[in-house]
Amino acid sequence: MSNNTLQMTMLFDFFGDLLTEKQREYFDLYHSEDLSLSEIAEMTGISRQGVYDIISRSEKTLEEFERKTGVLQRWNETRAELEKAEALSIKLQQACQSDPGSVILAEELSKILAKLTTN
């Protein structure tokens, strides 16, 4: 999956409900189902250019939502920080091997961070 497709898919996950039903459908067919513009045009009975226009408007709308809100950027930054914290928690567990109380606290921290990272 290309970086642009991944970013578009993530933007769709965050903001897809704000698109029209037709935009959501065409976007999903193009980005998630990996259908070509011609295939979508044939399925829906509109021109290839019409499909392109709808998908293009959808992408611009999603990018505009992100530009205004920064939700995806903040999500990516938070995720990266959680991954760093998880790595530090593992190092802390290793450093605390001689103190059983510290090991338990470090393990609890690791569990919490793992839970946050998978959500």
PDB file of N, CA and C in Angstrom:
ATOM      1  N   MET A   1       0.854  -1.177   0.000  1.00  0.00           N
ATOM      2  CA  MET A   1       0.000   0.000   0.000  1.00  0.00           C
ATOM      3  C   MET A   1       0.897   1.235   0.000  1.00  0.00           C
ATOM      4  N   SER A   2       0.662   2.159  -0.921  1.00  0.00           N
ATOM      5  CA  SER A   2       1.486   3.351  -0.988  1.00  0.00           C
ATOM      6  C   SER A   2       1.225   4.242   0.214  1.00  0.00           C
ATOM      7  N   ASN A   3       2.185   5.111   0.497  1.00  0.00           N
ATOM      8  CA  ASN A   3       2.065   6.014   1.644  1.00  0.00           C
ATOM      9  C   ASN A   3       0.838   6.908   1.507  1.00  0.00           C
ATOM     10  N   ASN A   4       0.572   7.400   0.283  1.00  0.00           N
ATOM     11  CA  ASN A   4      -0.596   8.253   0.061  1.00  0.00           C
ATOM     12  C   ASN A   4      -1.894   7.479   0.286  1.00  0.00           C
ATOM     13  N   THR A   5      -1.933   6.238  -0.199  1.00  0.00           N
ATOM     14  CA  THR A   5      -3.129   5.418  -0.002  1.00  0.00           C
ATOM     15  C   THR A   5      -3.339   5.143   1.476  1.00  0.00           C
ATOM     16  N   LEU A   6      -2.263   4.857   2.193  1.00  0.00           N
ATOM     17  CA  LEU A   6      -2.367   4.623   3.638  1.00  0.00           C
ATOM     18  C   LEU A   6      -2.889   5.871   4.335  1.00  0.00           C
ATOM     19  N   GLN A   7      -2.346   7.023   3.999  1.00  0.00           N
ATOM     20  CA  GLN A   7      -2.795   8.267   4.627  1.00  0.00           C
ATOM     21  C   GLN A   7      -4.268   8.534   4.301  1.00  0.00           C
ATOM     22  N   MET A   8      -4.654   8.323   3.035  1.00  0.00           N
ATOM     23  CA  MET A   8      -6.054   8.538   2.648  1.00  0.00           C
ATOM     24  C   MET A   8      -6.982   7.586   3.408  1.00  0.00           C
ATOM     25  N   THR A   9      -6.552   6.352   3.553  1.00  0.00           N
ATOM     26  CA  THR A   9      -7.363   5.367   4.274  1.00  0.00           C
ATOM     27  C   THR A   9      -7.517   5.769   5.738  1.00  0.00           C
ATOM     28  N   MET A  10      -6.443   6.262   6.329  1.00  0.00           N
ATOM     29  CA  MET A  10      -6.520   6.702   7.729  1.00  0.00           C
ATOM     30  C   MET A  10      -7.420   7.933   7.859  1.00  0.00           C
ATOM     31  N   LEU A  11      -7.294   8.864   6.917  1.00  0.00           N
ATOM     32  CA  LEU A  11      -8.174  10.037   6.945  1.00  0.00           C
ATOM     33  C   LEU A  11      -9.629   9.606   6.799  1.00  0.00           C
ATOM     34  N   PHE A  12      -9.861   8.620   5.948  1.00  0.00           N
ATOM     35  CA  PHE A  12     -11.216   8.101   5.760  1.00  0.00           C
ATOM     36  C   PHE A  12     -11.729   7.479   7.062  1.00  0.00           C
ATOM     37  N   ASP A  13     -10.863   6.769   7.777  1.00  0.00           N
ATOM     38  CA  ASP A  13     -11.263   6.180   9.057  1.00  0.00           C
ATOM     39  C   ASP A  13     -11.695   7.254  10.050  1.00  0.00           C
ATOM     40  N   PHE A  14     -10.983   8.369  10.058  1.00  0.00           N
ATOM     41  CA  PHE A  14     -11.300   9.448  10.997  1.00  0.00           C
ATOM     42  C   PHE A  14     -12.502  10.285  10.543  1.00  0.00           C
ATOM     43  N   PHE A  15     -12.556  10.600   9.253  1.00  0.00           N
ATOM     44  CA  PHE A  15     -13.521  11.588   8.775  1.00  0.00           C
ATOM     45  C   PHE A  15     -14.525  11.074   7.756  1.00  0.00           C
ATOM     46  N   GLY A  16     -14.487   9.790   7.440  1.00  0.00           N
ATOM     47  CA  GLY A  16     -15.333   9.239   6.384  1.00  0.00           C
ATOM     48  C   GLY A  16     -16.815   9.512   6.574  1.00  0.00           C
ATOM     49  N   ASP A  17     -17.267   9.523   7.813  1.00  0.00           N
ATOM     50  CA  ASP A  17     -18.689   9.765   8.071  1.00  0.00           C
ATOM     51  C   ASP A  17     -19.121  11.182   7.683  1.00  0.00           C
ATOM     52  N   LEU A  18     -18.173  12.060   7.466  1.00  0.00           N
ATOM     53  CA  LEU A  18     -18.501  13.432   7.089  1.00  0.00           C
ATOM     54  C   LEU A  18     -18.658  13.594   5.574  1.00  0.00           C
ATOM     55  N   LEU A  19     -18.329  12.561   4.822  1.00  0.00           N
ATOM     56  CA  LEU A  19     -18.518  12.585   3.367  1.00  0.00           C
ATOM     57  C   LEU A  19     -19.953  12.182   3.034  1.00  0.00           C
ATOM     58  N   THR A  20     -20.364  12.471   1.805  1.00  0.00           N
ATOM     59  CA  THR A  20     -21.679  12.019   1.364  1.00  0.00           C
ATOM     60  C   THR A  20     -21.633  10.504   1.181  1.00  0.00           C
ATOM     61  N   GLU A  21     -22.790   9.893   1.095  1.00  0.00           N
ATOM     62  CA  GLU A  21     -22.848   8.440   0.922  1.00  0.00           C
ATOM     63  C   GLU A  21     -22.147   8.019  -0.370  1.00  0.00           C
ATOM     64  N   LYS A  22     -22.373   8.777  -1.433  1.00  0.00           N
ATOM     65  CA  LYS A  22     -21.753   8.454  -2.725  1.00  0.00           C
ATOM     66  C   LYS A  22     -20.230   8.597  -2.639  1.00  0.00           C
ATOM     67  N   GLN A  23     -19.766   9.650  -1.990  1.00  0.00           N
ATOM     68  CA  GLN A  23     -18.326   9.834  -1.832  1.00  0.00           C
ATOM     69  C   GLN A  23     -17.715   8.673  -1.040  1.00  0.00           C
ATOM     70  N   ARG A  24     -18.380   8.287   0.040  1.00  0.00           N
ATOM     71  CA  ARG A  24     -17.885   7.165   0.849  1.00  0.00           C
ATOM     72  C   ARG A  24     -17.821   5.883   0.022  1.00  0.00           C
ATOM     73  N   GLU A  25     -18.868   5.627  -0.742  1.00  0.00           N
ATOM     74  CA  GLU A  25     -18.924   4.404  -1.537  1.00  0.00           C
ATOM     75  C   GLU A  25     -17.808   4.370  -2.577  1.00  0.00           C
ATOM     76  N   TYR A  26     -17.645   5.442  -3.339  1.00  0.00           N
ATOM     77  CA  TYR A  26     -16.642   5.468  -4.401  1.00  0.00           C
ATOM     78  C   TYR A  26     -15.228   5.447  -3.825  1.00  0.00           C
ATOM     79  N   PHE A  27     -15.040   6.194  -2.741  1.00  0.00           N
ATOM     80  CA  PHE A  27     -13.742   6.221  -2.076  1.00  0.00           C
ATOM     81  C   PHE A  27     -13.369   4.812  -1.630  1.00  0.00           C
ATOM     82  N   ASP A  28     -14.310   4.124  -0.996  1.00  0.00           N
ATOM     83  CA  ASP A  28     -14.068   2.770  -0.496  1.00  0.00           C
ATOM     84  C   ASP A  28     -13.762   1.808  -1.640  1.00  0.00           C
ATOM     85  N   LEU A  29     -14.519   1.893  -2.710  1.00  0.00           N
ATOM     86  CA  LEU A  29     -14.271   1.018  -3.863  1.00  0.00           C
ATOM     87  C   LEU A  29     -12.870   1.244  -4.440  1.00  0.00           C
ATOM     88  N   TYR A  30     -12.464   2.491  -4.483  1.00  0.00           N
ATOM     89  CA  TYR A  30     -11.172   2.834  -5.080  1.00  0.00           C
ATOM     90  C   TYR A  30     -10.002   2.508  -4.149  1.00  0.00           C
ATOM     91  N   HIS A  31     -10.082   2.967  -2.905  1.00  0.00           N
ATOM     92  CA  HIS A  31      -8.952   2.810  -1.988  1.00  0.00           C
ATOM     93  C   HIS A  31      -8.948   1.479  -1.239  1.00  0.00           C
ATOM     94  N   SER A  32     -10.088   0.998  -0.806  1.00  0.00           N
ATOM     95  CA  SER A  32     -10.123  -0.237  -0.008  1.00  0.00           C
ATOM     96  C   SER A  32     -10.273  -1.486  -0.872  1.00  0.00           C
ATOM     97  N   GLU A  33     -11.146  -1.407  -1.858  1.00  0.00           N
ATOM     98  CA  GLU A  33     -11.379  -2.570  -2.726  1.00  0.00           C
ATOM     99  C   GLU A  33     -10.401  -2.618  -3.892  1.00  0.00           C
ATOM    100  N   ASP A  34      -9.641  -1.532  -4.078  1.00  0.00           N
ATOM    101  CA  ASP A  34      -8.609  -1.446  -5.108  1.00  0.00           C
ATOM    102  C   ASP A  34      -9.165  -1.619  -6.525  1.00  0.00           C
ATOM    103  N   LEU A  35     -10.377  -1.100  -6.752  1.00  0.00           N
ATOM    104  CA  LEU A  35     -10.950  -1.128  -8.096  1.00  0.00           C
ATOM    105  C   LEU A  35     -10.436   0.073  -8.886  1.00  0.00           C
ATOM    106  N   SER A  36     -10.328  -0.085 -10.190  1.00  0.00           N
ATOM    107  CA  SER A  36      -9.891   1.021 -11.042  1.00  0.00           C
ATOM    108  C   SER A  36     -11.058   1.985 -11.263  1.00  0.00           C
ATOM    109  N   LEU A  37     -10.738   3.157 -11.761  1.00  0.00           N
ATOM    110  CA  LEU A  37     -11.777   4.137 -12.080  1.00  0.00           C
ATOM    111  C   LEU A  37     -12.738   3.556 -13.117  1.00  0.00           C
ATOM    112  N   SER A  38     -12.196   2.846 -14.099  1.00  0.00           N
ATOM    113  CA  SER A  38     -13.026   2.241 -15.145  1.00  0.00           C
ATOM    114  C   SER A  38     -13.965   1.188 -14.570  1.00  0.00           C
ATOM    115  N   GLU A  39     -13.454   0.380 -13.655  1.00  0.00           N
ATOM    116  CA  GLU A  39     -14.291  -0.651 -13.041  1.00  0.00           C
ATOM    117  C   GLU A  39     -15.434  -0.028 -12.236  1.00  0.00           C
ATOM    118  N   ILE A  40     -15.114   1.018 -11.502  1.00  0.00           N
ATOM    119  CA  ILE A  40     -16.145   1.697 -10.713  1.00  0.00           C
ATOM    120  C   ILE A  40     -17.167   2.347 -11.640  1.00  0.00           C
ATOM    121  N   ALA A  41     -16.687   2.974 -12.708  1.00  0.00           N
ATOM    122  CA  ALA A  41     -17.591   3.607 -13.674  1.00  0.00           C
ATOM    123  C   ALA A  41     -18.538   2.576 -14.279  1.00  0.00           C
ATOM    124  N   GLU A  42     -18.010   1.441 -14.619  1.00  0.00           N
ATOM    125  CA  GLU A  42     -18.838   0.384 -15.208  1.00  0.00           C
ATOM    126  C   GLU A  42     -19.882  -0.118 -14.202  1.00  0.00           C
ATOM    127  N   MET A  43     -19.475  -0.266 -12.949  1.00  0.00           N
ATOM    128  CA  MET A  43     -20.390  -0.756 -11.904  1.00  0.00           C
ATOM    129  C   MET A  43     -21.511   0.236 -11.608  1.00  0.00           C
ATOM    130  N   THR A  44     -21.169   1.525 -11.643  1.00  0.00           N
ATOM    131  CA  THR A  44     -22.117   2.548 -11.199  1.00  0.00           C
ATOM    132  C   THR A  44     -22.863   3.227 -12.340  1.00  0.00           C
ATOM    133  N   GLY A  45     -22.399   3.018 -13.565  1.00  0.00           N
ATOM    134  CA  GLY A  45     -23.086   3.592 -14.712  1.00  0.00           C
ATOM    135  C   GLY A  45     -22.805   5.063 -14.948  1.00  0.00           C
ATOM    136  N   ILE A  46     -21.693   5.561 -14.412  1.00  0.00           N
ATOM    137  CA  ILE A  46     -21.306   6.942 -14.734  1.00  0.00           C
ATOM    138  C   ILE A  46     -19.951   6.906 -15.433  1.00  0.00           C
ATOM    139  N   SER A  47     -19.528   8.044 -15.955  1.00  0.00           N
ATOM    140  CA  SER A  47     -18.277   8.081 -16.706  1.00  0.00           C
ATOM    141  C   SER A  47     -17.073   7.919 -15.775  1.00  0.00           C
ATOM    142  N   ARG A  48     -15.977   7.519 -16.386  1.00  0.00           N
ATOM    143  CA  ARG A  48     -14.719   7.390 -15.651  1.00  0.00           C
ATOM    144  C   ARG A  48     -14.329   8.743 -15.061  1.00  0.00           C
ATOM    145  N   GLN A  49     -14.534   9.805 -15.830  1.00  0.00           N
ATOM    146  CA  GLN A  49     -14.229  11.160 -15.357  1.00  0.00           C
ATOM    147  C   GLN A  49     -15.111  11.524 -14.160  1.00  0.00           C
ATOM    148  N   GLY A  50     -16.370  11.120 -14.190  1.00  0.00           N
ATOM    149  CA  GLY A  50     -17.275  11.379 -13.075  1.00  0.00           C
ATOM    150  C   GLY A  50     -16.805  10.692 -11.802  1.00  0.00           C
ATOM    151  N   VAL A  51     -16.351   9.447 -11.948  1.00  0.00           N
ATOM    152  CA  VAL A  51     -15.816   8.703 -10.797  1.00  0.00           C
ATOM    153  C   VAL A  51     -14.581   9.408 -10.264  1.00  0.00           C
ATOM    154  N   TYR A  52     -13.688   9.802 -11.176  1.00  0.00           N
ATOM    155  CA  TYR A  52     -12.473  10.507 -10.778  1.00  0.00           C
ATOM    156  C   TYR A  52     -12.810  11.779  -9.999  1.00  0.00           C
ATOM    157  N   ASP A  53     -13.761  12.546 -10.509  1.00  0.00           N
ATOM    158  CA  ASP A  53     -14.146  13.800  -9.850  1.00  0.00           C
ATOM    159  C   ASP A  53     -14.667  13.564  -8.434  1.00  0.00           C
ATOM    160  N   ILE A  54     -15.505  12.548  -8.271  1.00  0.00           N
ATOM    161  CA  ILE A  54     -16.062  12.248  -6.943  1.00  0.00           C
ATOM    162  C   ILE A  54     -14.961  11.827  -5.978  1.00  0.00           C
ATOM    163  N   ILE A  55     -14.071  10.957  -6.425  1.00  0.00           N
ATOM    164  CA  ILE A  55     -12.986  10.491  -5.552  1.00  0.00           C
ATOM    165  C   ILE A  55     -12.029  11.637  -5.243  1.00  0.00           C
ATOM    166  N   SER A  56     -11.726  12.431  -6.237  1.00  0.00           N
ATOM    167  CA  SER A  56     -10.827  13.569  -6.044  1.00  0.00           C
ATOM    168  C   SER A  56     -11.405  14.574  -5.038  1.00  0.00           C
ATOM    169  N   ARG A  57     -12.697  14.876  -5.171  1.00  0.00           N
ATOM    170  CA  ARG A  57     -13.353  15.782  -4.212  1.00  0.00           C
ATOM    171  C   ARG A  57     -13.341  15.183  -2.815  1.00  0.00           C
ATOM    172  N   SER A  58     -13.554  13.883  -2.728  1.00  0.00           N
ATOM    173  CA  SER A  58     -13.537  13.201  -1.432  1.00  0.00           C
ATOM    174  C   SER A  58     -12.166  13.335  -0.774  1.00  0.00           C
ATOM    175  N   GLU A  59     -11.119  13.095  -1.529  1.00  0.00           N
ATOM    176  CA  GLU A  59      -9.765  13.192  -0.995  1.00  0.00           C
ATOM    177  C   GLU A  59      -9.452  14.616  -0.544  1.00  0.00           C
ATOM    178  N   LYS A  60      -9.849  15.584  -1.350  1.00  0.00           N
ATOM    179  CA  LYS A  60      -9.602  16.983  -0.980  1.00  0.00           C
ATOM    180  C   LYS A  60     -10.377  17.356   0.288  1.00  0.00           C
ATOM    181  N   THR A  61     -11.588  16.849   0.408  1.00  0.00           N
ATOM    182  CA  THR A  61     -12.394  17.118   1.599  1.00  0.00           C
ATOM    183  C   THR A  61     -11.740  16.513   2.829  1.00  0.00           C
ATOM    184  N   LEU A  62     -11.282  15.269   2.721  1.00  0.00           N
ATOM    185  CA  LEU A  62     -10.623  14.618   3.856  1.00  0.00           C
ATOM    186  C   LEU A  62      -9.348  15.359   4.250  1.00  0.00           C
ATOM    187  N   GLU A  63      -8.562  15.767   3.244  1.00  0.00           N
ATOM    188  CA  GLU A  63      -7.339  16.521   3.524  1.00  0.00           C
ATOM    189  C   GLU A  63      -7.647  17.857   4.186  1.00  0.00           C
ATOM    190  N   GLU A  64      -8.740  18.491   3.786  1.00  0.00           N
ATOM    191  CA  GLU A  64      -9.139  19.765   4.382  1.00  0.00           C
ATOM    192  C   GLU A  64      -9.556  19.574   5.846  1.00  0.00           C
ATOM    193  N   PHE A  65     -10.290  18.506   6.129  1.00  0.00           N
ATOM    194  CA  PHE A  65     -10.651  18.210   7.523  1.00  0.00           C
ATOM    195  C   PHE A  65      -9.390  18.032   8.359  1.00  0.00           C
ATOM    196  N   GLU A  66      -8.424  17.308   7.827  1.00  0.00           N
ATOM    197  CA  GLU A  66      -7.177  17.091   8.563  1.00  0.00           C
ATOM    198  C   GLU A  66      -6.409  18.398   8.718  1.00  0.00           C
ATOM    199  N   ARG A  67      -6.368  19.199   7.679  1.00  0.00           N
ATOM    200  CA  ARG A  67      -5.654  20.482   7.763  1.00  0.00           C
ATOM    201  C   ARG A  67      -6.255  21.349   8.867  1.00  0.00           C
ATOM    202  N   LYS A  68      -7.577  21.334   8.979  1.00  0.00           N
ATOM    203  CA  LYS A  68      -8.252  22.171   9.970  1.00  0.00           C
ATOM    204  C   LYS A  68      -8.162  21.608  11.384  1.00  0.00           C
ATOM    205  N   THR A  69      -8.188  20.295  11.512  1.00  0.00           N
ATOM    206  CA  THR A  69      -8.245  19.694  12.851  1.00  0.00           C
ATOM    207  C   THR A  69      -6.917  19.121  13.333  1.00  0.00           C
ATOM    208  N   GLY A  70      -6.111  18.596  12.432  1.00  0.00           N
ATOM    209  CA  GLY A  70      -4.842  17.975  12.816  1.00  0.00           C
ATOM    210  C   GLY A  70      -5.004  16.672  13.591  1.00  0.00           C
ATOM    211  N   VAL A  71      -6.172  16.044  13.486  1.00  0.00           N
ATOM    212  CA  VAL A  71      -6.461  14.835  14.253  1.00  0.00           C
ATOM    213  C   VAL A  71      -5.491  13.704  13.908  1.00  0.00           C
ATOM    214  N   LEU A  72      -5.284  13.450  12.646  1.00  0.00           N
ATOM    215  CA  LEU A  72      -4.402  12.357  12.233  1.00  0.00           C
ATOM    216  C   LEU A  72      -2.965  12.624  12.678  1.00  0.00           C
ATOM    217  N   GLN A  73      -2.516  13.837  12.534  1.00  0.00           N
ATOM    218  CA  GLN A  73      -1.155  14.179  12.957  1.00  0.00           C
ATOM    219  C   GLN A  73      -0.992  13.947  14.453  1.00  0.00           C
ATOM    220  N   ARG A  74      -1.958  14.412  15.248  1.00  0.00           N
ATOM    221  CA  ARG A  74      -1.888  14.203  16.698  1.00  0.00           C
ATOM    222  C   ARG A  74      -1.957  12.720  17.044  1.00  0.00           C
ATOM    223  N   TRP A  75      -2.796  11.971  16.329  1.00  0.00           N
ATOM    224  CA  TRP A  75      -2.898  10.532  16.566  1.00  0.00           C
ATOM    225  C   TRP A  75      -1.558   9.848  16.299  1.00  0.00           C
ATOM    226  N   ASN A  76      -0.915  10.208  15.185  1.00  0.00           N
ATOM    227  CA  ASN A  76       0.396   9.631  14.849  1.00  0.00           C
ATOM    228  C   ASN A  76       1.448   9.991  15.892  1.00  0.00           C
ATOM    229  N   GLU A  77       1.441  11.236  16.348  1.00  0.00           N
ATOM    230  CA  GLU A  77       2.400  11.672  17.362  1.00  0.00           C
ATOM    231  C   GLU A  77       2.168  10.930  18.683  1.00  0.00           C
ATOM    232  N   THR A  78       0.918  10.788  19.079  1.00  0.00           N
ATOM    233  CA  THR A  78       0.588  10.081  20.314  1.00  0.00           C
ATOM    234  C   THR A  78       1.010   8.630  20.227  1.00  0.00           C
ATOM    235  N   ARG A  79       0.728   8.011  19.104  1.00  0.00           N
ATOM    236  CA  ARG A  79       1.099   6.608  18.895  1.00  0.00           C
ATOM    237  C   ARG A  79       2.612   6.431  18.998  1.00  0.00           C
ATOM    238  N   ALA A  80       3.364   7.327  18.391  1.00  0.00           N
ATOM    239  CA  ALA A  80       4.830   7.246  18.448  1.00  0.00           C
ATOM    240  C   ALA A  80       5.329   7.402  19.885  1.00  0.00           C
ATOM    241  N   GLU A  81       4.740   8.320  20.623  1.00  0.00           N
ATOM    242  CA  GLU A  81       5.144   8.524  22.024  1.00  0.00           C
ATOM    243  C   GLU A  81       4.797   7.310  22.883  1.00  0.00           C
ATOM    244  N   LEU A  82       3.649   6.694  22.626  1.00  0.00           N
ATOM    245  CA  LEU A  82       3.276   5.480  23.362  1.00  0.00           C
ATOM    246  C   LEU A  82       4.260   4.347  23.080  1.00  0.00           C
ATOM    247  N   GLU A  83       4.687   4.227  21.841  1.00  0.00           N
ATOM    248  CA  GLU A  83       5.663   3.191  21.502  1.00  0.00           C
ATOM    249  C   GLU A  83       6.997   3.445  22.204  1.00  0.00           C
ATOM    250  N   LYS A  84       7.416   4.710  22.293  1.00  0.00           N
ATOM    251  CA  LYS A  84       8.641   5.043  23.028  1.00  0.00           C
ATOM    252  C   LYS A  84       8.479   4.697  24.507  1.00  0.00           C
ATOM    253  N   ALA A  85       7.328   5.038  25.074  1.00  0.00           N
ATOM    254  CA  ALA A  85       7.075   4.759  26.484  1.00  0.00           C
ATOM    255  C   ALA A  85       7.082   3.263  26.743  1.00  0.00           C
ATOM    256  N   GLU A  86       6.531   2.485  25.816  1.00  0.00           N
ATOM    257  CA  GLU A  86       6.526   1.035  25.970  1.00  0.00           C
ATOM    258  C   GLU A  86       7.953   0.485  25.961  1.00  0.00           C
ATOM    259  N   ALA A  87       8.794   0.992  25.080  1.00  0.00           N
ATOM    260  CA  ALA A  87      10.189   0.549  25.022  1.00  0.00           C
ATOM    261  C   ALA A  87      10.917   0.923  26.313  1.00  0.00           C
ATOM    262  N   LEU A  88      10.659   2.114  26.833  1.00  0.00           N
ATOM    263  CA  LEU A  88      11.275   2.531  28.095  1.00  0.00           C
ATOM    264  C   LEU A  88      10.790   1.667  29.255  1.00  0.00           C
ATOM    265  N   SER A  89       9.538   1.270  29.223  1.00  0.00           N
ATOM    266  CA  SER A  89       9.000   0.424  30.280  1.00  0.00           C
ATOM    267  C   SER A  89       9.694  -0.930  30.303  1.00  0.00           C
ATOM    268  N   ILE A  90      10.018  -1.456  29.125  1.00  0.00           N
ATOM    269  CA  ILE A  90      10.749  -2.726  29.050  1.00  0.00           C
ATOM    270  C   ILE A  90      12.153  -2.559  29.633  1.00  0.00           C
ATOM    271  N   LYS A  91      12.802  -1.449  29.302  1.00  0.00           N
ATOM    272  CA  LYS A  91      14.133  -1.175  29.860  1.00  0.00           C
ATOM    273  C   LYS A  91      14.057  -1.032  31.382  1.00  0.00           C
ATOM    274  N   LEU A  92      12.998  -0.392  31.852  1.00  0.00           N
ATOM    275  CA  LEU A  92      12.806  -0.215  33.295  1.00  0.00           C
ATOM    276  C   LEU A  92      12.638  -1.564  33.984  1.00  0.00           C
ATOM    277  N   GLN A  93      11.880  -2.465  33.379  1.00  0.00           N
ATOM    278  CA  GLN A  93      11.704  -3.813  33.944  1.00  0.00           C
ATOM    279  C   GLN A  93      13.054  -4.516  34.073  1.00  0.00           C
ATOM    280  N   GLN A  94      13.864  -4.382  33.046  1.00  0.00           N
ATOM    281  CA  GLN A  94      15.176  -5.033  33.070  1.00  0.00           C
ATOM    282  C   GLN A  94      16.079  -4.412  34.131  1.00  0.00           C
ATOM    283  N   ALA A  95      15.990  -3.096  34.301  1.00  0.00           N
ATOM    284  CA  ALA A  95      16.833  -2.404  35.277  1.00  0.00           C
ATOM    285  C   ALA A  95      16.402  -2.693  36.710  1.00  0.00           C
ATOM    286  N   CYS A  96      15.164  -3.073  36.913  1.00  0.00           N
ATOM    287  CA  CYS A  96      14.618  -3.286  38.259  1.00  0.00           C
ATOM    288  C   CYS A  96      14.640  -4.744  38.697  1.00  0.00           C
ATOM    289  N   GLN A  97      15.352  -5.592  38.018  1.00  0.00           N
ATOM    290  CA  GLN A  97      15.315  -7.023  38.306  1.00  0.00           C
ATOM    291  C   GLN A  97      15.670  -7.361  39.759  1.00  0.00           C
ATOM    292  N   SER A  98      16.483  -6.542  40.407  1.00  0.00           N
ATOM    293  CA  SER A  98      16.894  -6.858  41.783  1.00  0.00           C
ATOM    294  C   SER A  98      15.866  -6.423  42.831  1.00  0.00           C
ATOM    295  N   ASP A  99      14.894  -5.610  42.437  1.00  0.00           N
ATOM    296  CA  ASP A  99      13.878  -5.123  43.387  1.00  0.00           C
ATOM    297  C   ASP A  99      12.503  -5.619  42.944  1.00  0.00           C
ATOM    298  N   PRO A 100      11.969  -6.654  43.608  1.00  0.00           N
ATOM    299  CA  PRO A 100      10.684  -7.242  43.189  1.00  0.00           C
ATOM    300  C   PRO A 100       9.528  -6.236  43.130  1.00  0.00           C
ATOM    301  N   GLY A 101       9.479  -5.293  44.058  1.00  0.00           N
ATOM    302  CA  GLY A 101       8.415  -4.288  44.042  1.00  0.00           C
ATOM    303  C   GLY A 101       8.485  -3.407  42.809  1.00  0.00           C
ATOM    304  N   SER A 102       9.681  -3.026  42.426  1.00  0.00           N
ATOM    305  CA  SER A 102       9.870  -2.194  41.236  1.00  0.00           C
ATOM    306  C   SER A 102       9.525  -2.965  39.970  1.00  0.00           C
ATOM    307  N   VAL A 103       9.865  -4.242  39.953  1.00  0.00           N
ATOM    308  CA  VAL A 103       9.555  -5.078  38.789  1.00  0.00           C
ATOM    309  C   VAL A 103       8.045  -5.142  38.594  1.00  0.00           C
ATOM    310  N   ILE A 104       7.294  -5.319  39.665  1.00  0.00           N
ATOM    311  CA  ILE A 104       5.833  -5.393  39.574  1.00  0.00           C
ATOM    312  C   ILE A 104       5.271  -4.082  39.032  1.00  0.00           C
ATOM    313  N   LEU A 105       5.762  -2.954  39.535  1.00  0.00           N
ATOM    314  CA  LEU A 105       5.292  -1.658  39.046  1.00  0.00           C
ATOM    315  C   LEU A 105       5.633  -1.463  37.566  1.00  0.00           C
ATOM    316  N   ALA A 106       6.829  -1.850  37.187  1.00  0.00           N
ATOM    317  CA  ALA A 106       7.252  -1.715  35.789  1.00  0.00           C
ATOM    318  C   ALA A 106       6.400  -2.616  34.886  1.00  0.00           C
ATOM    319  N   GLU A 107       6.074  -3.812  35.353  1.00  0.00           N
ATOM    320  CA  GLU A 107       5.226  -4.710  34.566  1.00  0.00           C
ATOM    321  C   GLU A 107       3.814  -4.153  34.413  1.00  0.00           C
ATOM    322  N   GLU A 108       3.279  -3.569  35.489  1.00  0.00           N
ATOM    323  CA  GLU A 108       1.950  -2.951  35.413  1.00  0.00           C
ATOM    324  C   GLU A 108       1.943  -1.806  34.401  1.00  0.00           C
ATOM    325  N   LEU A 109       2.999  -0.990  34.458  1.00  0.00           N
ATOM    326  CA  LEU A 109       3.130   0.110  33.498  1.00  0.00           C
ATOM    327  C   LEU A 109       3.180  -0.426  32.075  1.00  0.00           C
ATOM    328  N   SER A 110       3.926  -1.480  31.866  1.00  0.00           N
ATOM    329  CA  SER A 110       4.045  -2.078  30.539  1.00  0.00           C
ATOM    330  C   SER A 110       2.695  -2.576  30.033  1.00  0.00           C
ATOM    331  N   LYS A 111       1.912  -3.189  30.910  1.00  0.00           N
ATOM    332  CA  LYS A 111       0.587  -3.679  30.523  1.00  0.00           C
ATOM    333  C   LYS A 111      -0.329  -2.533  30.114  1.00  0.00           C
ATOM    334  N   ILE A 112      -0.301  -1.460  30.882  1.00  0.00           N
ATOM    335  CA  ILE A 112      -1.134  -0.296  30.560  1.00  0.00           C
ATOM    336  C   ILE A 112      -0.735   0.292  29.207  1.00  0.00           C
ATOM    337  N   LEU A 113       0.558   0.443  28.993  1.00  0.00           N
ATOM    338  CA  LEU A 113       1.040   1.001  27.727  1.00  0.00           C
ATOM    339  C   LEU A 113       0.704   0.087  26.551  1.00  0.00           C
ATOM    340  N   ALA A 114       0.820  -1.219  26.760  1.00  0.00           N
ATOM    341  CA  ALA A 114       0.478  -2.155  25.686  1.00  0.00           C
ATOM    342  C   ALA A 114      -0.997  -2.045  25.337  1.00  0.00           C
ATOM    343  N   LYS A 115      -1.829  -1.892  26.350  1.00  0.00           N
ATOM    344  CA  LYS A 115      -3.274  -1.748  26.124  1.00  0.00           C
ATOM    345  C   LYS A 115      -3.566  -0.465  25.337  1.00  0.00           C
ATOM    346  N   LEU A 116      -2.913   0.622  25.716  1.00  0.00           N
ATOM    347  CA  LEU A 116      -3.103   1.896  25.013  1.00  0.00           C
ATOM    348  C   LEU A 116      -2.609   1.829  23.571  1.00  0.00           C
ATOM    349  N   THR A 117      -1.528   1.135  23.351  1.00  0.00           N
ATOM    350  CA  THR A 117      -0.939   1.039  22.019  1.00  0.00           C
ATOM    351  C   THR A 117      -1.815   0.222  21.077  1.00  0.00           C
ATOM    352  N   THR A 118      -2.511  -0.787  21.594  1.00  0.00           N
ATOM    353  CA  THR A 118      -3.322  -1.620  20.724  1.00  0.00           C
ATOM    354  C   THR A 118      -4.699  -1.027  20.473  1.00  0.00           C
ATOM    355  N   ASN A 119      -5.098  -0.014  21.205  1.00  0.00           N
ATOM    356  CA  ASN A 119      -6.415   0.617  21.003  1.00  0.00           C
ATOM    357  C   ASN A 119      -6.386   1.664  19.967  1.00  0.00           C
TER     358      ASN A 119
END
